[in-house]
Amino acid sequence: MRETMRGVLLRGPHQMRLEELPRPAPRADQVLVQVRYSACCATDFDLIDGTMPDQAKYPIILGHEWSGQVVEAPPGHAELVGRDVVADNLVTCGICPACVGGRPNLCRKMEELGFSLNGAHAEYLVTLARSVRVLPSGLSLKAAALAEPVGVALYGARRARIGPGDRVVGLGAGPIGLFTMQVCRAAGAAEVWQADLRAERLDLARRLGATGILDLSKMSLAEALGSANAEADVVMECSGNPKALSQAIKVVRPGGRVGVIGYYGDELAEIRPSDIMMRDLEVLGAVCPTGTWDAALALIADGRVNTEAVITHTFPLERFAEAYETARSGRDAIKVMLEI
């Protein structure tokens, strides 16, 4: 095995290039993974643009949605060698109140692969052996590479208490929105309506099982819901658009719930607090796949969540710049994947 590897290193804002880098050496509690797939995520743009200063540590290898094969493991985890895996990207202290209380995503010492620790846009990565999940039999590495965003969607649905009989509206038909729609259907929601501005994304939402679609390029969200004779017990805001959050609070039924999964950076939303108070609403944030990795893999493996359907483009590692240009442009792109 070579002592070096190819990796896409972000040395600072707008300073990303493919380099020959030292292959990481695993500690006694880590495994070495040969990466097979690593996806481009919209939050990567904030690191690339330098608009996530509190979380980014440069230089950094991006990539937090990935899959691969274990090539080295400590003696206590030798059975992992040769296995196809994903892993929880969070590295937490394990002893603070948040960690002990089952919410490691709120650990104040948390670090994360692809943000503050080197991620998967490289031939190899190291990660904690205890965080590794072996793929269910028959699940492809390409499909499993999106277990992380499926886990985010699942945690969001759990936070919003999606269950049998709920009427759900999902805002945004990007990857998180499409996964959230499928997760809500799997949770027993009676109706899941998908709203977006792009016809091709709405067509995919319909094919993946949405009850109906709401084309916001033609009318407002309130008008679209009225035209469809649909009422929302829960609105899941997955777009990351501050205006969408404002609309979610206005259209959800009195006593309803708004789940917030989209990432907004430093953008501000115009919200009238009395809309929340007078209508007795719950607004519930959700970040990271918290306690959902195994369930997310199971949903993908048994076909209740189709991840490969949202992968519109796949590029080799050396074409990373083209991959990110495609992902950022949004032209016919939903999820862009690097094959390594």
C-alpha atoms as a PDB file:
ATOM      1  CA  MET A   1       0.000   0.000   0.000  1.00  0.00           C
ATOM      2  CA  ARG A   2       1.339   3.397  -0.983  1.00  0.00           C
ATOM      3  CA  GLU A   3       2.258   5.847   1.770  1.00  0.00           C
ATOM      4  CA  THR A   4       0.547   8.652  -0.142  1.00  0.00           C
ATOM      5  CA  MET A   5      -2.919   9.128  -1.604  1.00  0.00           C
ATOM      6  CA  ARG A   6      -4.810  11.468  -3.887  1.00  0.00           C
ATOM      7  CA  GLY A   7      -7.107  13.856  -2.082  1.00  0.00           C
ATOM      8  CA  VAL A   8      -9.030  17.068  -2.743  1.00  0.00           C
ATOM      9  CA  LEU A   9      -7.633  19.522  -0.225  1.00  0.00           C
ATOM     10  CA  LEU A  10      -9.317  22.824   0.596  1.00  0.00           C
ATOM     11  CA  ARG A  11      -6.477  24.997   1.886  1.00  0.00           C
ATOM     12  CA  GLY A  12      -8.730  28.012   2.434  1.00  0.00           C
ATOM     13  CA  PRO A  13     -11.726  29.685   0.833  1.00  0.00           C
ATOM     14  CA  HIS A  14     -11.696  29.052  -2.927  1.00  0.00           C
ATOM     15  CA  GLN A  15      -8.361  27.201  -2.691  1.00  0.00           C
ATOM     16  CA  MET A  16      -9.353  23.613  -3.495  1.00  0.00           C
ATOM     17  CA  ARG A  17      -7.211  21.306  -5.608  1.00  0.00           C
ATOM     18  CA  LEU A  18      -6.300  17.658  -6.066  1.00  0.00           C
ATOM     19  CA  GLU A  19      -3.022  16.886  -4.308  1.00  0.00           C
ATOM     20  CA  GLU A  20      -0.790  13.980  -3.428  1.00  0.00           C
ATOM     21  CA  LEU A  21      -1.121  13.746   0.349  1.00  0.00           C
ATOM     22  CA  PRO A  22       0.197  11.487   3.111  1.00  0.00           C
ATOM     23  CA  ARG A  23      -2.052   8.489   3.609  1.00  0.00           C
ATOM     24  CA  PRO A  24      -3.543   8.791   7.128  1.00  0.00           C
ATOM     25  CA  ALA A  25      -2.321   6.341   9.759  1.00  0.00           C
ATOM     26  CA  PRO A  26      -5.092   5.031  12.040  1.00  0.00           C
ATOM     27  CA  ARG A  27      -4.773   5.294  15.817  1.00  0.00           C
ATOM     28  CA  ALA A  28      -5.441   2.285  18.033  1.00  0.00           C
ATOM     29  CA  ASP A  29      -9.163   3.147  18.139  1.00  0.00           C
ATOM     30  CA  GLN A  30      -9.538   3.877  14.424  1.00  0.00           C
ATOM     31  CA  VAL A  31      -9.969   2.034  11.144  1.00  0.00           C
ATOM     32  CA  LEU A  32      -8.477   2.923   7.767  1.00  0.00           C
ATOM     33  CA  VAL A  33     -11.117   3.012   5.030  1.00  0.00           C
ATOM     34  CA  GLN A  34     -10.549   2.960   1.306  1.00  0.00           C
ATOM     35  CA  VAL A  35     -13.192   5.374   0.055  1.00  0.00           C
ATOM     36  CA  ARG A  36     -15.366   4.276  -2.864  1.00  0.00           C
ATOM     37  CA  TYR A  37     -17.989   7.032  -3.110  1.00  0.00           C
ATOM     38  CA  SER A  38     -18.163  10.543  -1.676  1.00  0.00           C
ATOM     39  CA  ALA A  39     -20.977  12.969  -2.442  1.00  0.00           C
ATOM     40  CA  CYS A  40     -20.969  16.721  -2.951  1.00  0.00           C
ATOM     41  CA  CYS A  41     -23.267  18.445  -0.455  1.00  0.00           C
ATOM     42  CA  ALA A  42     -24.678  21.970  -0.506  1.00  0.00           C
ATOM     43  CA  THR A  43     -23.095  22.692   2.883  1.00  0.00           C
ATOM     44  CA  ASP A  44     -19.682  22.122   1.263  1.00  0.00           C
ATOM     45  CA  PHE A  45     -20.201  25.406  -0.574  1.00  0.00           C
ATOM     46  CA  ASP A  46     -20.098  27.260   2.749  1.00  0.00           C
ATOM     47  CA  LEU A  47     -16.662  25.813   3.489  1.00  0.00           C
ATOM     48  CA  ILE A  48     -15.486  26.479  -0.059  1.00  0.00           C
ATOM     49  CA  ASP A  49     -16.757  30.073   0.111  1.00  0.00           C
ATOM     50  CA  GLY A  50     -15.486  30.669   3.657  1.00  0.00           C
ATOM     51  CA  THR A  51     -18.954  31.351   5.080  1.00  0.00           C
ATOM     52  CA  MET A  52     -18.787  28.696   7.808  1.00  0.00           C
ATOM     53  CA  PRO A  53     -15.901  30.042   9.915  1.00  0.00           C
ATOM     54  CA  ASP A  54     -17.068  28.559  13.217  1.00  0.00           C
ATOM     55  CA  GLN A  55     -17.057  24.992  11.904  1.00  0.00           C
ATOM     56  CA  ALA A  56     -14.396  24.912   9.204  1.00  0.00           C
ATOM     57  CA  LYS A  57     -10.759  24.139   9.928  1.00  0.00           C
ATOM     58  CA  TYR A  58      -8.435  24.721   6.997  1.00  0.00           C
ATOM     59  CA  PRO A  59      -6.743  22.928   5.385  1.00  0.00           C
ATOM     60  CA  ILE A  60      -9.468  20.303   5.187  1.00  0.00           C
ATOM     61  CA  ILE A  61     -10.498  17.413   2.954  1.00  0.00           C
ATOM     62  CA  LEU A  62     -14.234  17.748   2.324  1.00  0.00           C
ATOM     63  CA  GLY A  63     -16.733  14.898   2.089  1.00  0.00           C
ATOM     64  CA  HIS A  64     -19.172  13.781   4.784  1.00  0.00           C
ATOM     65  CA  GLU A  65     -21.507  11.578   2.710  1.00  0.00           C
ATOM     66  CA  TRP A  66     -19.492   8.508   1.810  1.00  0.00           C
ATOM     67  CA  SER A  67     -18.991   4.750   1.720  1.00  0.00           C
ATOM     68  CA  GLY A  68     -15.942   2.522   1.480  1.00  0.00           C
ATOM     69  CA  GLN A  69     -14.149  -0.637   2.505  1.00  0.00           C
ATOM     70  CA  VAL A  70     -12.109  -1.161   5.669  1.00  0.00           C
ATOM     71  CA  VAL A  71      -8.479  -2.055   4.896  1.00  0.00           C
ATOM     72  CA  GLU A  72      -6.966  -1.766   8.382  1.00  0.00           C
ATOM     73  CA  ALA A  73      -8.552  -2.212  11.818  1.00  0.00           C
ATOM     74  CA  PRO A  74      -7.343  -2.536  15.425  1.00  0.00           C
ATOM     75  CA  PRO A  75      -7.179  -6.055  16.941  1.00  0.00           C
ATOM     76  CA  GLY A  76     -10.496  -5.683  18.725  1.00  0.00           C
ATOM     77  CA  HIS A  77     -12.235  -4.921  15.423  1.00  0.00           C
ATOM     78  CA  ALA A  78     -10.315  -7.209  13.061  1.00  0.00           C
ATOM     79  CA  GLU A  79     -13.604  -8.584  11.688  1.00  0.00           C
ATOM     80  CA  LEU A  80     -14.165  -5.242   9.949  1.00  0.00           C
ATOM     81  CA  VAL A  81     -11.272  -5.689   7.513  1.00  0.00           C
ATOM     82  CA  GLY A  82     -12.633  -6.198   4.018  1.00  0.00           C
ATOM     83  CA  ARG A  83     -16.162  -5.138   4.930  1.00  0.00           C
ATOM     84  CA  ASP A  84     -18.156  -2.499   3.096  1.00  0.00           C
ATOM     85  CA  VAL A  85     -19.037   0.262   5.543  1.00  0.00           C
ATOM     86  CA  VAL A  86     -20.285   3.717   6.348  1.00  0.00           C
ATOM     87  CA  ALA A  87     -19.682   5.447   9.670  1.00  0.00           C
ATOM     88  CA  ASP A  88     -21.073   8.126  11.952  1.00  0.00           C
ATOM     89  CA  ASN A  89     -19.076  11.253  11.113  1.00  0.00           C
ATOM     90  CA  LEU A  90     -19.386  12.804  14.573  1.00  0.00           C
ATOM     91  CA  VAL A  91     -16.484  12.581  17.009  1.00  0.00           C
ATOM     92  CA  THR A  92     -17.727  13.592  20.454  1.00  0.00           C
ATOM     93  CA  CYS A  93     -16.513  13.547  24.035  1.00  0.00           C
ATOM     94  CA  GLY A  94     -19.002  10.916  25.207  1.00  0.00           C
ATOM     95  CA  ILE A  95     -19.200  12.273  28.755  1.00  0.00           C
ATOM     96  CA  CYS A  96     -20.936  15.661  28.594  1.00  0.00           C
ATOM     97  CA  PRO A  97     -24.654  15.998  29.417  1.00  0.00           C
ATOM     98  CA  ALA A  98     -25.544  16.124  25.713  1.00  0.00           C
ATOM     99  CA  CYS A  99     -23.635  12.935  24.908  1.00  0.00           C
ATOM    100  CA  VAL A 100     -24.893  11.072  27.967  1.00  0.00           C
ATOM    101  CA  GLY A 101     -28.421  12.268  27.209  1.00  0.00           C
ATOM    102  CA  GLY A 102     -28.376  10.755  23.721  1.00  0.00           C
ATOM    103  CA  ARG A 103     -27.862  14.013  21.829  1.00  0.00           C
ATOM    104  CA  PRO A 104     -24.184  13.877  20.792  1.00  0.00           C
ATOM    105  CA  ASN A 105     -24.984  16.314  17.964  1.00  0.00           C
ATOM    106  CA  LEU A 106     -25.050  18.991  20.675  1.00  0.00           C
ATOM    107  CA  CYS A 107     -21.671  18.075  22.213  1.00  0.00           C
ATOM    108  CA  ARG A 108     -19.682  21.276  22.637  1.00  0.00           C
ATOM    109  CA  LYS A 109     -16.468  19.422  21.785  1.00  0.00           C
ATOM    110  CA  MET A 110     -17.944  17.779  18.698  1.00  0.00           C
ATOM    111  CA  GLU A 111     -15.867  17.460  15.561  1.00  0.00           C
ATOM    112  CA  GLU A 112     -17.039  16.095  12.240  1.00  0.00           C
ATOM    113  CA  LEU A 113     -15.482  14.450   9.206  1.00  0.00           C
ATOM    114  CA  GLY A 114     -15.502  16.788   6.241  1.00  0.00           C
ATOM    115  CA  PHE A 115     -15.841  19.918   8.396  1.00  0.00           C
ATOM    116  CA  SER A 116     -13.215  19.993  11.144  1.00  0.00           C
ATOM    117  CA  LEU A 117     -11.662  16.562  10.458  1.00  0.00           C
ATOM    118  CA  ASN A 118     -10.486  15.299   7.082  1.00  0.00           C
ATOM    119  CA  GLY A 119     -13.317  13.733   5.128  1.00  0.00           C
ATOM    120  CA  ALA A 120     -13.907  11.443   2.198  1.00  0.00           C
ATOM    121  CA  HIS A 121     -12.875  13.328  -0.959  1.00  0.00           C
ATOM    122  CA  ALA A 122      -9.721  11.229  -0.947  1.00  0.00           C
ATOM    123  CA  GLU A 123      -8.629   7.674  -1.534  1.00  0.00           C
ATOM    124  CA  TYR A 124      -8.467   6.915   2.206  1.00  0.00           C
ATOM    125  CA  LEU A 125      -9.819   8.231   5.487  1.00  0.00           C
ATOM    126  CA  VAL A 126      -9.588   7.259   9.140  1.00  0.00           C
ATOM    127  CA  THR A 127     -12.562   7.097  11.463  1.00  0.00           C
ATOM    128  CA  LEU A 128     -13.437   5.659  14.855  1.00  0.00           C
ATOM    129  CA  ALA A 129     -13.881   1.886  14.819  1.00  0.00           C
ATOM    130  CA  ARG A 130     -16.856   2.154  17.190  1.00  0.00           C
ATOM    131  CA  SER A 131     -18.636   4.439  14.707  1.00  0.00           C
ATOM    132  CA  VAL A 132     -18.485   2.026  11.773  1.00  0.00           C
ATOM    133  CA  ARG A 133     -21.646   0.401  10.382  1.00  0.00           C
ATOM    134  CA  VAL A 134     -21.261  -2.650   8.154  1.00  0.00           C
ATOM    135  CA  LEU A 135     -23.593  -2.503   5.161  1.00  0.00           C
ATOM    136  CA  PRO A 136     -26.558  -4.883   5.094  1.00  0.00           C
ATOM    137  CA  SER A 137     -26.186  -7.740   2.632  1.00  0.00           C
ATOM    138  CA  GLY A 138     -26.948  -6.696  -0.918  1.00  0.00           C
ATOM    139  CA  LEU A 139     -26.767  -2.944  -0.289  1.00  0.00           C
ATOM    140  CA  SER A 140     -24.506  -1.267  -2.839  1.00  0.00           C
ATOM    141  CA  LEU A 141     -21.749   1.113  -1.831  1.00  0.00           C
ATOM    142  CA  LYS A 142     -23.205   3.770  -4.101  1.00  0.00           C
ATOM    143  CA  ALA A 143     -26.639   3.625  -2.492  1.00  0.00           C
ATOM    144  CA  ALA A 144     -25.153   3.487   1.019  1.00  0.00           C
ATOM    145  CA  ALA A 145     -23.007   6.572   0.440  1.00  0.00           C
ATOM    146  CA  LEU A 146     -26.128   8.667   1.058  1.00  0.00           C
ATOM    147  CA  ALA A 147     -26.953   7.086   4.413  1.00  0.00           C
ATOM    148  CA  GLU A 148     -25.864  10.327   6.107  1.00  0.00           C
ATOM    149  CA  PRO A 149     -28.516  12.594   4.530  1.00  0.00           C
ATOM    150  CA  VAL A 150     -31.126   9.855   4.930  1.00  0.00           C
ATOM    151  CA  GLY A 151     -30.185   9.773   8.615  1.00  0.00           C
ATOM    152  CA  VAL A 152     -30.638  13.553   8.788  1.00  0.00           C
ATOM    153  CA  ALA A 153     -34.087  13.239   7.195  1.00  0.00           C
ATOM    154  CA  LEU A 154     -35.028  10.445   9.582  1.00  0.00           C
ATOM    155  CA  TYR A 155     -33.900  12.403  12.643  1.00  0.00           C
ATOM    156  CA  GLY A 156     -35.892  15.394  11.416  1.00  0.00           C
ATOM    157  CA  ALA A 157     -39.003  13.245  10.970  1.00  0.00           C
ATOM    158  CA  ARG A 158     -38.548  11.824  14.451  1.00  0.00           C
ATOM    159  CA  ARG A 159     -38.101  15.289  15.954  1.00  0.00           C
ATOM    160  CA  ALA A 160     -41.327  16.370  14.239  1.00  0.00           C
ATOM    161  CA  ARG A 161     -43.038  13.188  15.496  1.00  0.00           C
ATOM    162  CA  ILE A 162     -44.239  12.098  12.062  1.00  0.00           C
ATOM    163  CA  GLY A 163     -46.569   9.133  12.421  1.00  0.00           C
ATOM    164  CA  PRO A 164     -49.673   7.364  11.104  1.00  0.00           C
ATOM    165  CA  GLY A 165     -52.341   9.705   9.827  1.00  0.00           C
ATOM    166  CA  ASP A 166     -50.196  12.826   9.602  1.00  0.00           C
ATOM    167  CA  ARG A 167     -50.630  15.107   6.615  1.00  0.00           C
ATOM    168  CA  VAL A 168     -47.162  16.397   5.730  1.00  0.00           C
ATOM    169  CA  VAL A 169     -45.916  19.050   3.327  1.00  0.00           C
ATOM    170  CA  GLY A 170     -42.227  18.999   2.423  1.00  0.00           C
ATOM    171  CA  LEU A 171     -40.640  22.236   1.201  1.00  0.00           C
ATOM    172  CA  GLY A 172     -37.797  21.642  -1.226  1.00  0.00           C
ATOM    173  CA  ALA A 173     -37.284  18.605  -3.465  1.00  0.00           C
ATOM    174  CA  GLY A 174     -33.522  18.444  -3.241  1.00  0.00           C
ATOM    175  CA  PRO A 175     -31.852  15.370  -1.725  1.00  0.00           C
ATOM    176  CA  ILE A 176     -32.906  16.113   1.870  1.00  0.00           C
ATOM    177  CA  GLY A 177     -36.442  16.951   0.790  1.00  0.00           C
ATOM    178  CA  LEU A 178     -36.801  13.806  -1.319  1.00  0.00           C
ATOM    179  CA  PHE A 179     -35.394  11.637   1.462  1.00  0.00           C
ATOM    180  CA  THR A 180     -37.641  13.314   4.026  1.00  0.00           C
ATOM    181  CA  MET A 181     -40.689  12.616   1.865  1.00  0.00           C
ATOM    182  CA  GLN A 182     -39.790   8.936   1.648  1.00  0.00           C
ATOM    183  CA  VAL A 183     -38.999   8.698   5.367  1.00  0.00           C
ATOM    184  CA  CYS A 184     -42.347  10.271   6.238  1.00  0.00           C
ATOM    185  CA  ARG A 185     -44.142   7.773   4.015  1.00  0.00           C
ATOM    186  CA  ALA A 186     -42.254   4.948   5.732  1.00  0.00           C
ATOM    187  CA  ALA A 187     -43.322   6.373   9.120  1.00  0.00           C
ATOM    188  CA  GLY A 188     -46.965   5.990   8.137  1.00  0.00           C
ATOM    189  CA  ALA A 189     -47.910   9.531   7.148  1.00  0.00           C
ATOM    190  CA  ALA A 190     -51.288   9.555   5.409  1.00  0.00           C
ATOM    191  CA  GLU A 191     -50.253  12.229   2.912  1.00  0.00           C
ATOM    192  CA  VAL A 192     -46.894  13.709   1.946  1.00  0.00           C
ATOM    193  CA  TRP A 193     -47.013  16.628  -0.477  1.00  0.00           C
ATOM    194  CA  GLN A 194     -43.797  17.888  -2.076  1.00  0.00           C
ATOM    195  CA  ALA A 195     -43.306  21.558  -2.942  1.00  0.00           C
ATOM    196  CA  ASP A 196     -40.589  23.009  -5.155  1.00  0.00           C
ATOM    197  CA  LEU A 197     -39.961  25.446  -8.013  1.00  0.00           C
ATOM    198  CA  ARG A 198     -38.401  22.946 -10.447  1.00  0.00           C
ATOM    199  CA  ALA A 199     -40.540  20.656 -12.555  1.00  0.00           C
ATOM    200  CA  GLU A 200     -37.898  17.923 -12.900  1.00  0.00           C
ATOM    201  CA  ARG A 201     -37.521  17.641  -9.130  1.00  0.00           C
ATOM    202  CA  LEU A 202     -41.269  17.524  -8.627  1.00  0.00           C
ATOM    203  CA  ASP A 203     -41.528  14.790 -11.271  1.00  0.00           C
ATOM    204  CA  LEU A 204     -38.977  12.741  -9.336  1.00  0.00           C
ATOM    205  CA  ALA A 205     -40.864  13.346  -6.084  1.00  0.00           C
ATOM    206  CA  ARG A 206     -44.009  11.971  -7.704  1.00  0.00           C
ATOM    207  CA  ARG A 207     -42.133   8.900  -8.955  1.00  0.00           C
ATOM    208  CA  LEU A 208     -40.696   8.297  -5.486  1.00  0.00           C
ATOM    209  CA  GLY A 209     -44.103   8.243  -3.846  1.00  0.00           C
ATOM    210  CA  ALA A 210     -45.265  11.752  -3.022  1.00  0.00           C
ATOM    211  CA  THR A 211     -49.029  12.000  -2.576  1.00  0.00           C
ATOM    212  CA  GLY A 212     -48.997  15.061  -4.805  1.00  0.00           C
ATOM    213  CA  ILE A 213     -46.807  17.941  -5.892  1.00  0.00           C
ATOM    214  CA  LEU A 214     -47.062  21.686  -5.323  1.00  0.00           C
ATOM    215  CA  ASP A 215     -45.448  23.701  -8.125  1.00  0.00           C
ATOM    216  CA  LEU A 216     -44.350  26.968  -6.523  1.00  0.00           C
ATOM    217  CA  SER A 217     -43.171  28.377  -9.849  1.00  0.00           C
ATOM    218  CA  LYS A 218     -46.832  28.936 -10.693  1.00  0.00           C
ATOM    219  CA  MET A 219     -48.398  30.038  -7.408  1.00  0.00           C
ATOM    220  CA  SER A 220     -47.644  30.691  -3.755  1.00  0.00           C
ATOM    221  CA  LEU A 221     -47.492  27.875  -1.225  1.00  0.00           C
ATOM    222  CA  ALA A 222     -50.788  28.942   0.349  1.00  0.00           C
ATOM    223  CA  GLU A 223     -52.461  29.067  -3.073  1.00  0.00           C
ATOM    224  CA  ALA A 224     -51.016  25.678  -4.066  1.00  0.00           C
ATOM    225  CA  LEU A 225     -52.292  24.070  -0.875  1.00  0.00           C
ATOM    226  CA  GLY A 226     -55.703  25.618  -1.383  1.00  0.00           C
ATOM    227  CA  SER A 227     -55.860  24.460  -4.990  1.00  0.00           C
ATOM    228  CA  ALA A 228     -54.940  20.926  -3.912  1.00  0.00           C
ATOM    229  CA  ASN A 229     -57.407  21.024  -1.011  1.00  0.00           C
ATOM    230  CA  ALA A 230     -54.524  19.974   1.238  1.00  0.00           C
ATOM    231  CA  GLU A 231     -53.940  20.884   4.868  1.00  0.00           C
ATOM    232  CA  ALA A 232     -50.662  20.371   6.675  1.00  0.00           C
ATOM    233  CA  ASP A 233     -50.425  18.910  10.160  1.00  0.00           C
ATOM    234  CA  VAL A 234     -46.659  19.134   9.720  1.00  0.00           C
ATOM    235  CA  VAL A 235     -44.482  21.167   7.362  1.00  0.00           C
ATOM    236  CA  MET A 236     -40.926  19.912   6.899  1.00  0.00           C
ATOM    237  CA  GLU A 237     -38.703  22.792   5.708  1.00  0.00           C
ATOM    238  CA  CYS A 238     -35.885  21.156   3.765  1.00  0.00           C
ATOM    239  CA  SER A 239     -34.929  23.856   1.267  1.00  0.00           C
ATOM    240  CA  GLY A 240     -32.740  26.081   3.423  1.00  0.00           C
ATOM    241  CA  ASN A 241     -34.552  29.114   2.031  1.00  0.00           C
ATOM    242  CA  PRO A 242     -35.469  31.620   4.773  1.00  0.00           C
ATOM    243  CA  LYS A 243     -38.607  32.653   2.864  1.00  0.00           C
ATOM    244  CA  ALA A 244     -39.737  29.031   2.872  1.00  0.00           C
ATOM    245  CA  LEU A 245     -39.450  28.904   6.654  1.00  0.00           C
ATOM    246  CA  SER A 246     -41.599  32.021   6.943  1.00  0.00           C
ATOM    247  CA  GLN A 247     -44.206  30.423   4.682  1.00  0.00           C
ATOM    248  CA  ALA A 248     -44.111  27.129   6.592  1.00  0.00           C
ATOM    249  CA  ILE A 249     -45.100  28.892   9.794  1.00  0.00           C
ATOM    250  CA  LYS A 250     -48.001  30.598   8.037  1.00  0.00           C
ATOM    251  CA  VAL A 251     -49.490  27.583   6.240  1.00  0.00           C
ATOM    252  CA  VAL A 252     -49.235  24.799   8.839  1.00  0.00           C
ATOM    253  CA  ARG A 253     -52.551  24.199  10.589  1.00  0.00           C
ATOM    254  CA  PRO A 254     -53.179  25.682  14.056  1.00  0.00           C
ATOM    255  CA  GLY A 255     -51.549  23.418  16.627  1.00  0.00           C
ATOM    256  CA  GLY A 256     -49.273  21.981  13.948  1.00  0.00           C
ATOM    257  CA  ARG A 257     -45.547  21.358  13.789  1.00  0.00           C
ATOM    258  CA  VAL A 258     -42.763  22.771  11.621  1.00  0.00           C
ATOM    259  CA  GLY A 259     -39.621  20.684  11.246  1.00  0.00           C
ATOM    260  CA  VAL A 260     -36.513  22.653  10.246  1.00  0.00           C
ATOM    261  CA  ILE A 261     -33.869  20.572   8.453  1.00  0.00           C
ATOM    262  CA  GLY A 262     -32.602  22.956   5.762  1.00  0.00           C
ATOM    263  CA  TYR A 263     -29.335  24.811   6.394  1.00  0.00           C
ATOM    264  CA  TYR A 264     -29.492  28.618   6.239  1.00  0.00           C
ATOM    265  CA  GLY A 265     -25.962  29.759   7.071  1.00  0.00           C
ATOM    266  CA  ASP A 266     -26.194  33.319   8.398  1.00  0.00           C
ATOM    267  CA  GLU A 267     -29.354  34.185   6.444  1.00  0.00           C
ATOM    268  CA  LEU A 268     -32.282  35.658   8.359  1.00  0.00           C
ATOM    269  CA  ALA A 269     -35.964  34.799   8.047  1.00  0.00           C
ATOM    270  CA  GLU A 270     -38.824  37.249   8.503  1.00  0.00           C
ATOM    271  CA  ILE A 271     -41.089  35.674  11.095  1.00  0.00           C
ATOM    272  CA  ARG A 272     -43.951  37.173  13.064  1.00  0.00           C
ATOM    273  CA  PRO A 273     -43.621  35.556  16.520  1.00  0.00           C
ATOM    274  CA  SER A 274     -47.353  35.887  17.147  1.00  0.00           C
ATOM    275  CA  ASP A 275     -47.939  33.442  14.276  1.00  0.00           C
ATOM    276  CA  ILE A 276     -46.219  30.837  16.425  1.00  0.00           C
ATOM    277  CA  MET A 277     -47.725  31.902  19.744  1.00  0.00           C
ATOM    278  CA  MET A 278     -51.330  32.621  18.737  1.00  0.00           C
ATOM    279  CA  ARG A 279     -51.595  29.458  16.619  1.00  0.00           C
ATOM    280  CA  ASP A 280     -49.922  27.254  19.256  1.00  0.00           C
ATOM    281  CA  LEU A 281     -47.240  25.934  16.877  1.00  0.00           C
ATOM    282  CA  GLU A 282     -44.136  23.865  17.502  1.00  0.00           C
ATOM    283  CA  VAL A 283     -40.954  24.679  15.567  1.00  0.00           C
ATOM    284  CA  LEU A 284     -38.433  21.847  15.814  1.00  0.00           C
ATOM    285  CA  GLY A 285     -34.855  21.948  14.557  1.00  0.00           C
ATOM    286  CA  ALA A 286     -32.868  18.847  13.640  1.00  0.00           C
ATOM    287  CA  VAL A 287     -29.154  18.559  12.880  1.00  0.00           C
ATOM    288  CA  CYS A 288     -27.019  15.537  11.980  1.00  0.00           C
ATOM    289  CA  PRO A 289     -28.099  11.876  11.794  1.00  0.00           C
ATOM    290  CA  THR A 290     -28.563  11.495  15.551  1.00  0.00           C
ATOM    291  CA  GLY A 291     -29.261   7.913  16.592  1.00  0.00           C
ATOM    292  CA  THR A 292     -30.525   7.089  13.103  1.00  0.00           C
ATOM    293  CA  TRP A 293     -27.641   5.449  11.238  1.00  0.00           C
ATOM    294  CA  ASP A 294     -28.811   1.846  11.582  1.00  0.00           C
ATOM    295  CA  ALA A 295     -32.429   2.693  10.777  1.00  0.00           C
ATOM    296  CA  ALA A 296     -31.346   4.777   7.778  1.00  0.00           C
ATOM    297  CA  LEU A 297     -29.337   1.885   6.356  1.00  0.00           C
ATOM    298  CA  ALA A 298     -32.282  -0.451   6.895  1.00  0.00           C
ATOM    299  CA  LEU A 299     -34.636   1.906   5.031  1.00  0.00           C
ATOM    300  CA  ILE A 300     -32.242   2.063   2.083  1.00  0.00           C
ATOM    301  CA  ALA A 301     -31.575  -1.682   2.097  1.00  0.00           C
ATOM    302  CA  ASP A 302     -35.255  -2.672   2.035  1.00  0.00           C
ATOM    303  CA  GLY A 303     -36.122  -0.136  -0.650  1.00  0.00           C
ATOM    304  CA  ARG A 304     -38.346   2.177   1.364  1.00  0.00           C
ATOM    305  CA  VAL A 305     -35.879   4.982   0.644  1.00  0.00           C
ATOM    306  CA  ASN A 306     -34.390   5.079  -2.847  1.00  0.00           C
ATOM    307  CA  THR A 307     -31.083   6.940  -2.716  1.00  0.00           C
ATOM    308  CA  GLU A 308     -29.710   6.079  -6.137  1.00  0.00           C
ATOM    309  CA  ALA A 309     -32.700   7.730  -7.837  1.00  0.00           C
ATOM    310  CA  VAL A 310     -31.525  11.166  -6.646  1.00  0.00           C
ATOM    311  CA  ILE A 311     -27.952  10.700  -7.957  1.00  0.00           C
ATOM    312  CA  THR A 312     -27.978  12.565 -11.245  1.00  0.00           C
ATOM    313  CA  HIS A 313     -24.239  12.848 -11.898  1.00  0.00           C
ATOM    314  CA  THR A 314     -21.157  10.767 -11.039  1.00  0.00           C
ATOM    315  CA  PHE A 315     -17.603  12.017 -11.641  1.00  0.00           C
ATOM    316  CA  PRO A 316     -14.160  10.531 -10.972  1.00  0.00           C
ATOM    317  CA  LEU A 317     -12.162  12.181  -8.205  1.00  0.00           C
ATOM    318  CA  GLU A 318      -9.911  14.101 -10.602  1.00  0.00           C
ATOM    319  CA  ARG A 319     -12.974  15.887 -12.029  1.00  0.00           C
ATOM    320  CA  PHE A 320     -13.992  17.260  -8.619  1.00  0.00           C
ATOM    321  CA  ALA A 321     -14.081  20.848  -9.895  1.00  0.00           C
ATOM    322  CA  GLU A 322     -16.556  19.909 -12.622  1.00  0.00           C
ATOM    323  CA  ALA A 323     -18.577  17.988 -10.047  1.00  0.00           C
ATOM    324  CA  TYR A 324     -18.904  21.018  -7.777  1.00  0.00           C
ATOM    325  CA  GLU A 325     -19.634  23.330 -10.692  1.00  0.00           C
ATOM    326  CA  THR A 326     -22.453  20.992 -11.723  1.00  0.00           C
ATOM    327  CA  ALA A 327     -23.787  20.758  -8.179  1.00  0.00           C
ATOM    328  CA  ARG A 328     -23.666  24.522  -7.646  1.00  0.00           C
ATOM    329  CA  SER A 329     -25.267  25.377 -10.995  1.00  0.00           C
ATOM    330  CA  GLY A 330     -28.287  23.225 -10.245  1.00  0.00           C
ATOM    331  CA  ARG A 331     -28.749  22.522 -13.949  1.00  0.00           C
ATOM    332  CA  ASP A 332     -30.505  19.154 -13.982  1.00  0.00           C
ATOM    333  CA  ALA A 333     -28.461  18.218 -10.915  1.00  0.00           C
ATOM    334  CA  ILE A 334     -29.890  16.864  -7.688  1.00  0.00           C
ATOM    335  CA  LYS A 335     -27.099  14.843  -6.055  1.00  0.00           C
ATOM    336  CA  VAL A 336     -23.585  14.795  -7.513  1.00  0.00           C
ATOM    337  CA  MET A 337     -21.293  11.937  -6.550  1.00  0.00           C
ATOM    338  CA  LEU A 338     -17.535  11.379  -6.737  1.00  0.00           C
ATOM    339  CA  GLU A 339     -16.397   7.828  -7.495  1.00  0.00           C
ATOM    340  CA  ILE A 340     -12.947   7.154  -6.080  1.00  0.00           C
END
